N, C-alpha and C. Protein backbone atom coordinates (compact mmCIF):
# COMPACT_ATOMS: atom_id res chain seq x y z
N MET A 1 13.17 5.58 16.22
CA MET A 1 12.03 5.17 15.41
C MET A 1 11.23 4.12 16.16
N ASP A 2 9.98 4.00 15.82
CA ASP A 2 9.13 3.01 16.48
C ASP A 2 9.49 1.59 16.03
N ALA A 3 9.41 0.67 16.93
CA ALA A 3 9.75 -0.73 16.63
C ALA A 3 8.59 -1.49 16.00
N ASP A 4 7.43 -0.84 15.84
CA ASP A 4 6.27 -1.53 15.28
C ASP A 4 6.18 -1.39 13.76
N LEU A 5 7.23 -0.88 13.14
CA LEU A 5 7.36 -0.71 11.68
C LEU A 5 6.40 0.34 11.11
N SER A 6 5.89 1.25 11.95
CA SER A 6 5.10 2.35 11.41
C SER A 6 6.00 3.41 10.78
N HIS A 7 7.27 3.41 11.16
CA HIS A 7 8.25 4.27 10.51
C HIS A 7 8.99 3.41 9.48
N PRO A 8 9.00 3.84 8.22
CA PRO A 8 9.59 3.00 7.16
C PRO A 8 11.11 2.95 7.22
N THR A 9 11.63 1.75 7.35
CA THR A 9 13.08 1.58 7.44
C THR A 9 13.80 2.05 6.18
N GLN A 10 13.14 2.03 5.05
CA GLN A 10 13.79 2.47 3.80
C GLN A 10 14.08 3.96 3.80
N GLU A 11 13.53 4.73 4.74
CA GLU A 11 13.81 6.17 4.83
C GLU A 11 15.05 6.48 5.65
N VAL A 12 15.56 5.50 6.39
CA VAL A 12 16.72 5.73 7.27
C VAL A 12 17.93 6.23 6.49
N PRO A 13 18.29 5.67 5.33
CA PRO A 13 19.46 6.20 4.60
C PRO A 13 19.31 7.69 4.22
N GLN A 14 18.10 8.12 3.87
CA GLN A 14 17.90 9.54 3.53
C GLN A 14 18.07 10.42 4.77
N ILE A 15 17.58 9.95 5.91
CA ILE A 15 17.76 10.71 7.15
C ILE A 15 19.24 10.80 7.50
N LEU A 16 19.96 9.71 7.35
CA LEU A 16 21.40 9.72 7.63
C LEU A 16 22.14 10.68 6.69
N ARG A 17 21.75 10.73 5.42
CA ARG A 17 22.36 11.68 4.48
C ARG A 17 22.11 13.11 4.91
N LYS A 18 20.89 13.39 5.37
CA LYS A 18 20.55 14.75 5.81
C LYS A 18 21.30 15.15 7.07
N LEU A 19 21.76 14.18 7.84
CA LEU A 19 22.54 14.49 9.03
C LEU A 19 23.92 15.05 8.69
N LYS A 20 24.32 15.00 7.44
CA LYS A 20 25.55 15.67 7.01
C LYS A 20 25.35 17.19 6.98
N GLU A 21 24.10 17.60 6.81
CA GLU A 21 23.75 19.02 6.72
C GLU A 21 23.13 19.56 8.02
N PHE A 22 22.42 18.73 8.76
CA PHE A 22 21.71 19.15 9.97
C PHE A 22 22.21 18.38 11.19
N ASP A 23 22.02 19.00 12.36
CA ASP A 23 22.35 18.32 13.62
C ASP A 23 21.30 17.28 13.99
N VAL A 24 20.05 17.59 13.65
CA VAL A 24 18.92 16.73 13.96
C VAL A 24 18.03 16.68 12.72
N VAL A 25 17.53 15.51 12.40
CA VAL A 25 16.58 15.36 11.29
C VAL A 25 15.33 14.69 11.84
N ILE A 26 14.20 15.34 11.62
CA ILE A 26 12.92 14.84 12.11
C ILE A 26 12.10 14.33 10.93
N GLY A 27 11.70 13.07 10.99
CA GLY A 27 10.78 12.54 10.01
C GLY A 27 9.43 13.19 10.22
N THR A 28 8.83 13.68 9.16
CA THR A 28 7.56 14.39 9.30
C THR A 28 6.47 13.84 8.40
N ARG A 29 5.29 13.74 9.01
CA ARG A 29 4.10 13.36 8.27
C ARG A 29 3.41 14.58 7.68
N TYR A 30 3.78 15.76 8.18
CA TYR A 30 2.98 16.96 7.91
C TYR A 30 3.70 18.02 7.09
N SER A 31 4.59 17.63 6.21
CA SER A 31 5.16 18.56 5.24
C SER A 31 4.98 17.94 3.86
N SER A 32 5.29 18.70 2.85
CA SER A 32 5.12 18.23 1.47
C SER A 32 5.85 16.91 1.26
N GLY A 33 5.13 15.91 0.81
CA GLY A 33 5.69 14.58 0.61
C GLY A 33 5.44 13.62 1.75
N GLY A 34 4.99 14.13 2.87
CA GLY A 34 4.68 13.29 4.03
C GLY A 34 3.18 13.03 4.10
N ASP A 35 2.80 11.98 4.80
CA ASP A 35 1.36 11.67 4.94
C ASP A 35 1.21 10.58 6.00
N VAL A 36 -0.04 10.23 6.25
CA VAL A 36 -0.36 9.13 7.15
C VAL A 36 -1.03 8.03 6.34
N ASP A 37 -1.10 6.87 6.93
CA ASP A 37 -1.68 5.71 6.26
C ASP A 37 -3.06 6.03 5.70
N PRO A 38 -3.30 5.72 4.43
CA PRO A 38 -4.62 6.00 3.84
C PRO A 38 -5.77 5.28 4.53
N SER A 39 -5.47 4.24 5.29
CA SER A 39 -6.54 3.50 5.98
C SER A 39 -7.05 4.23 7.23
N TRP A 40 -6.34 5.27 7.66
CA TRP A 40 -6.79 6.01 8.84
C TRP A 40 -8.15 6.66 8.57
N ASN A 41 -9.06 6.56 9.53
CA ASN A 41 -10.36 7.20 9.36
C ASN A 41 -10.22 8.71 9.68
N LEU A 42 -11.27 9.45 9.38
CA LEU A 42 -11.24 10.90 9.55
C LEU A 42 -10.97 11.29 11.01
N GLY A 43 -11.55 10.58 11.96
CA GLY A 43 -11.34 10.89 13.37
C GLY A 43 -9.88 10.77 13.78
N ARG A 44 -9.24 9.70 13.34
CA ARG A 44 -7.82 9.51 13.69
C ARG A 44 -6.95 10.56 13.02
N ARG A 45 -7.28 10.89 11.75
CA ARG A 45 -6.53 11.93 11.04
C ARG A 45 -6.65 13.27 11.75
N LEU A 46 -7.89 13.61 12.16
CA LEU A 46 -8.11 14.89 12.83
C LEU A 46 -7.40 14.92 14.19
N LEU A 47 -7.50 13.85 14.96
CA LEU A 47 -6.85 13.80 16.26
C LEU A 47 -5.34 13.98 16.11
N SER A 48 -4.76 13.30 15.14
CA SER A 48 -3.33 13.40 14.92
C SER A 48 -2.94 14.81 14.49
N ARG A 49 -3.62 15.35 13.51
CA ARG A 49 -3.29 16.67 12.97
C ARG A 49 -3.52 17.77 14.02
N LEU A 50 -4.68 17.75 14.66
CA LEU A 50 -4.99 18.78 15.66
C LEU A 50 -4.11 18.65 16.89
N GLY A 51 -3.80 17.42 17.29
CA GLY A 51 -2.89 17.22 18.41
C GLY A 51 -1.52 17.80 18.11
N ASN A 52 -1.05 17.59 16.90
CA ASN A 52 0.25 18.12 16.50
C ASN A 52 0.23 19.65 16.47
N ILE A 53 -0.82 20.23 15.92
CA ILE A 53 -0.94 21.70 15.88
C ILE A 53 -0.97 22.25 17.31
N GLY A 54 -1.73 21.59 18.19
CA GLY A 54 -1.82 22.03 19.57
C GLY A 54 -0.49 21.97 20.29
N ILE A 55 0.23 20.89 20.11
CA ILE A 55 1.54 20.74 20.76
C ILE A 55 2.51 21.79 20.23
N ARG A 56 2.52 22.00 18.92
CA ARG A 56 3.41 23.02 18.35
C ARG A 56 3.10 24.40 18.92
N ALA A 57 1.82 24.72 19.04
CA ALA A 57 1.43 26.01 19.59
C ALA A 57 1.76 26.10 21.08
N LEU A 58 1.52 25.04 21.80
CA LEU A 58 1.75 25.00 23.24
C LEU A 58 3.22 25.19 23.58
N VAL A 59 4.08 24.49 22.87
CA VAL A 59 5.50 24.48 23.19
C VAL A 59 6.27 25.53 22.40
N GLY A 60 5.80 25.83 21.19
CA GLY A 60 6.50 26.81 20.37
C GLY A 60 7.62 26.22 19.55
N VAL A 61 7.54 24.93 19.24
CA VAL A 61 8.57 24.33 18.38
C VAL A 61 8.30 24.69 16.93
N ASN A 62 9.39 24.87 16.18
CA ASN A 62 9.28 25.30 14.79
C ASN A 62 9.55 24.16 13.82
N VAL A 63 8.79 23.10 13.96
CA VAL A 63 8.88 21.95 13.05
C VAL A 63 7.47 21.57 12.63
N SER A 64 7.37 20.86 11.53
CA SER A 64 6.05 20.46 11.01
C SER A 64 5.38 19.38 11.84
N ASP A 65 6.20 18.51 12.44
CA ASP A 65 5.65 17.35 13.14
C ASP A 65 6.29 17.23 14.53
N ALA A 66 5.73 17.97 15.48
CA ALA A 66 6.30 18.05 16.84
C ALA A 66 6.21 16.75 17.60
N THR A 67 5.33 15.85 17.20
CA THR A 67 5.15 14.61 17.94
C THR A 67 5.80 13.41 17.24
N SER A 68 6.60 13.67 16.23
CA SER A 68 7.25 12.57 15.51
C SER A 68 8.29 11.88 16.38
N GLY A 69 8.27 10.57 16.34
CA GLY A 69 9.28 9.78 17.02
C GLY A 69 10.32 9.24 16.06
N PHE A 70 10.27 9.70 14.82
CA PHE A 70 11.18 9.24 13.77
C PHE A 70 12.24 10.34 13.60
N LYS A 71 13.37 10.18 14.30
CA LYS A 71 14.38 11.22 14.34
C LYS A 71 15.77 10.63 14.17
N GLY A 72 16.66 11.46 13.64
CA GLY A 72 18.07 11.14 13.60
C GLY A 72 18.85 12.26 14.27
N PHE A 73 19.89 11.92 15.01
CA PHE A 73 20.69 12.90 15.73
C PHE A 73 22.17 12.67 15.44
N ARG A 74 22.90 13.74 15.26
CA ARG A 74 24.35 13.63 15.30
C ARG A 74 24.75 13.42 16.76
N ARG A 75 25.83 12.73 16.96
CA ARG A 75 26.31 12.54 18.34
C ARG A 75 26.57 13.89 18.99
N SER A 76 27.17 14.83 18.25
CA SER A 76 27.47 16.15 18.81
C SER A 76 26.21 16.88 19.24
N ALA A 77 25.10 16.63 18.57
CA ALA A 77 23.83 17.26 18.95
C ALA A 77 23.39 16.74 20.31
N LEU A 78 23.48 15.45 20.51
CA LEU A 78 23.07 14.87 21.79
C LEU A 78 24.00 15.30 22.93
N GLU A 79 25.23 15.60 22.60
CA GLU A 79 26.16 16.08 23.63
C GLU A 79 25.85 17.52 24.05
N ASN A 80 25.05 18.22 23.26
CA ASN A 80 24.68 19.61 23.56
C ASN A 80 23.32 19.73 24.24
N VAL A 81 22.71 18.60 24.56
CA VAL A 81 21.38 18.59 25.18
C VAL A 81 21.48 17.84 26.50
N ASP A 82 20.84 18.36 27.54
CA ASP A 82 20.84 17.69 28.84
C ASP A 82 19.88 16.50 28.80
N LEU A 83 20.41 15.34 28.56
CA LEU A 83 19.58 14.14 28.41
C LEU A 83 18.93 13.71 29.72
N ASN A 84 19.43 14.20 30.82
CA ASN A 84 18.84 13.85 32.12
C ASN A 84 17.74 14.83 32.54
N GLY A 85 17.53 15.87 31.76
CA GLY A 85 16.58 16.91 32.15
C GLY A 85 15.16 16.70 31.66
N PHE A 86 14.92 15.65 30.90
CA PHE A 86 13.58 15.44 30.34
C PHE A 86 12.63 14.91 31.40
N LYS A 87 11.39 15.36 31.34
CA LYS A 87 10.38 14.99 32.33
C LYS A 87 9.28 14.08 31.77
N ALA A 88 8.92 14.28 30.51
CA ALA A 88 7.79 13.57 29.92
C ALA A 88 8.14 12.10 29.67
N THR A 89 7.14 11.26 29.79
CA THR A 89 7.31 9.84 29.48
C THR A 89 6.41 9.41 28.33
N GLY A 90 5.38 10.17 28.02
CA GLY A 90 4.47 9.86 26.93
C GLY A 90 4.93 10.53 25.65
N PHE A 91 3.99 10.72 24.71
CA PHE A 91 4.36 11.29 23.42
C PHE A 91 4.87 12.73 23.56
N ALA A 92 4.60 13.38 24.68
CA ALA A 92 5.10 14.74 24.93
C ALA A 92 6.63 14.76 24.94
N PHE A 93 7.23 13.60 25.21
CA PHE A 93 8.68 13.50 25.19
C PHE A 93 9.24 13.95 23.84
N GLN A 94 8.54 13.64 22.76
CA GLN A 94 9.02 14.01 21.43
C GLN A 94 9.13 15.53 21.28
N ALA A 95 8.11 16.24 21.73
CA ALA A 95 8.14 17.70 21.66
C ALA A 95 9.18 18.25 22.63
N GLU A 96 9.34 17.63 23.78
CA GLU A 96 10.32 18.09 24.76
C GLU A 96 11.75 17.98 24.19
N VAL A 97 12.04 16.88 23.52
CA VAL A 97 13.35 16.70 22.89
C VAL A 97 13.56 17.74 21.80
N THR A 98 12.55 17.96 20.98
CA THR A 98 12.67 18.94 19.90
C THR A 98 12.89 20.33 20.46
N MET A 99 12.16 20.69 21.51
CA MET A 99 12.34 21.99 22.13
C MET A 99 13.76 22.14 22.67
N ALA A 100 14.29 21.09 23.30
CA ALA A 100 15.66 21.15 23.84
C ALA A 100 16.67 21.37 22.71
N CYS A 101 16.47 20.72 21.59
CA CYS A 101 17.35 20.89 20.44
C CYS A 101 17.24 22.30 19.88
N GLN A 102 16.04 22.79 19.79
CA GLN A 102 15.81 24.14 19.29
C GLN A 102 16.47 25.16 20.22
N ARG A 103 16.31 24.99 21.52
CA ARG A 103 16.91 25.93 22.49
C ARG A 103 18.44 25.85 22.48
N ALA A 104 18.99 24.71 22.10
CA ALA A 104 20.44 24.56 22.00
C ALA A 104 20.97 25.10 20.67
N HIS A 105 20.08 25.69 19.87
CA HIS A 105 20.41 26.30 18.57
C HIS A 105 21.00 25.27 17.60
N LEU A 106 20.49 24.05 17.69
CA LEU A 106 20.93 23.02 16.75
C LEU A 106 20.19 23.21 15.43
N ALA A 107 20.85 22.86 14.34
CA ALA A 107 20.22 22.93 13.02
C ALA A 107 19.29 21.72 12.88
N ILE A 108 17.99 22.01 12.73
CA ILE A 108 16.99 20.95 12.65
C ILE A 108 16.42 20.91 11.24
N GLY A 109 16.54 19.75 10.61
CA GLY A 109 15.96 19.54 9.28
C GLY A 109 14.81 18.57 9.38
N GLU A 110 14.05 18.49 8.30
CA GLU A 110 12.90 17.58 8.28
C GLU A 110 12.97 16.68 7.05
N HIS A 111 12.40 15.52 7.19
CA HIS A 111 12.34 14.55 6.09
C HIS A 111 10.93 13.97 6.02
N PRO A 112 10.20 14.22 4.93
CA PRO A 112 8.83 13.69 4.82
C PRO A 112 8.82 12.16 4.66
N TYR A 113 7.80 11.55 5.25
CA TYR A 113 7.64 10.11 5.10
C TYR A 113 6.16 9.76 5.28
N MET A 114 5.81 8.55 4.89
CA MET A 114 4.45 8.03 5.04
C MET A 114 4.39 7.20 6.31
N PHE A 115 3.61 7.67 7.29
CA PHE A 115 3.43 6.95 8.55
C PHE A 115 2.41 5.84 8.32
N ARG A 116 2.80 4.61 8.58
CA ARG A 116 1.95 3.44 8.37
C ARG A 116 1.28 3.00 9.66
N THR A 117 0.19 2.30 9.55
CA THR A 117 -0.46 1.70 10.70
C THR A 117 0.47 0.64 11.28
N ARG A 118 0.57 0.58 12.58
CA ARG A 118 1.49 -0.35 13.25
C ARG A 118 1.15 -1.80 12.89
N ASN A 119 2.19 -2.63 12.82
CA ASN A 119 2.02 -4.05 12.52
C ASN A 119 1.74 -4.87 13.76
N ALA A 120 2.10 -4.35 14.91
CA ALA A 120 1.89 -5.07 16.17
C ALA A 120 1.76 -4.06 17.29
N GLY A 121 1.25 -4.49 18.41
CA GLY A 121 1.12 -3.62 19.56
C GLY A 121 -0.16 -2.79 19.51
N TYR A 122 -0.20 -1.77 20.35
CA TYR A 122 -1.40 -0.96 20.47
C TYR A 122 -1.01 0.47 20.84
N SER A 123 -1.91 1.39 20.65
CA SER A 123 -1.67 2.80 20.98
C SER A 123 -1.62 2.97 22.50
N LYS A 124 -0.72 3.82 22.93
CA LYS A 124 -0.61 4.13 24.36
C LYS A 124 -1.30 5.45 24.70
N MET A 125 -1.98 6.05 23.72
CA MET A 125 -2.66 7.32 23.92
C MET A 125 -3.76 7.17 24.96
N SER A 126 -3.79 8.12 25.91
CA SER A 126 -4.79 8.09 26.95
C SER A 126 -5.00 9.52 27.46
N ALA A 127 -6.00 9.70 28.30
CA ALA A 127 -6.23 11.02 28.91
C ALA A 127 -5.02 11.43 29.75
N GLY A 128 -4.39 10.48 30.42
CA GLY A 128 -3.21 10.77 31.23
C GLY A 128 -2.04 11.28 30.40
N ILE A 129 -1.87 10.72 29.21
CA ILE A 129 -0.79 11.14 28.32
C ILE A 129 -1.06 12.57 27.85
N ILE A 130 -2.31 12.88 27.53
CA ILE A 130 -2.67 14.23 27.09
C ILE A 130 -2.47 15.21 28.24
N TYR A 131 -2.89 14.84 29.45
CA TYR A 131 -2.70 15.68 30.63
C TYR A 131 -1.21 15.95 30.85
N GLU A 132 -0.39 14.91 30.75
CA GLU A 132 1.04 15.06 30.92
C GLU A 132 1.60 16.06 29.92
N ALA A 133 1.13 15.98 28.67
CA ALA A 133 1.62 16.89 27.64
C ALA A 133 1.35 18.35 28.02
N VAL A 134 0.15 18.64 28.47
CA VAL A 134 -0.20 20.01 28.83
C VAL A 134 0.57 20.46 30.07
N VAL A 135 0.56 19.65 31.11
CA VAL A 135 1.18 20.03 32.38
C VAL A 135 2.70 20.18 32.25
N LEU A 136 3.34 19.30 31.50
CA LEU A 136 4.80 19.37 31.39
C LEU A 136 5.28 20.31 30.30
N LEU A 137 4.52 20.41 29.21
CA LEU A 137 5.00 21.18 28.07
C LEU A 137 4.71 22.67 28.16
N LEU A 138 3.60 23.05 28.74
CA LEU A 138 3.27 24.47 28.83
C LEU A 138 4.38 25.26 29.54
N PRO A 139 4.87 24.80 30.69
CA PRO A 139 5.95 25.55 31.34
C PRO A 139 7.24 25.62 30.49
N LEU A 140 7.46 24.62 29.62
CA LEU A 140 8.64 24.63 28.77
C LEU A 140 8.71 25.87 27.89
N ARG A 141 7.56 26.29 27.44
CA ARG A 141 7.51 27.44 26.53
C ARG A 141 8.07 28.68 27.19
N PHE A 142 7.91 28.78 28.50
CA PHE A 142 8.29 30.00 29.20
C PHE A 142 9.59 29.87 29.98
N ARG A 143 10.13 28.64 30.06
CA ARG A 143 11.39 28.41 30.75
C ARG A 143 12.54 28.83 29.86
N ARG A 144 13.57 29.38 30.43
CA ARG A 144 14.74 29.80 29.66
C ARG A 144 15.83 28.74 29.72
């Protein structure tokens, strides 16, 4: 989860409960019950939503929120994924991890939550991060 408190700590117990049923639980802004901070303007909402749709289509992950950094993993799930094989360093890392879990046939569940505006820090989104996502993630879709 993000350290800037944009992921609500009060949702952690629900994610931990869902880990009894799933190998991986992804906090999602984009399923029923999930949302983003109401203070977000239309541009930020569109960028977030369209970016997520694009990443899901590009990589082929079957989750509502491919770029979510709010995740829970069973230890056994992480033991079934090559943790040294990841290439992305930006937000594409989130989709890369999800794809690795999906390819390992892990049971992936989702948990809706409200994504809040960060309390500190700044966005790391840049043209380089977007470029990295396309260059690194597109080949993932076709790699076995």
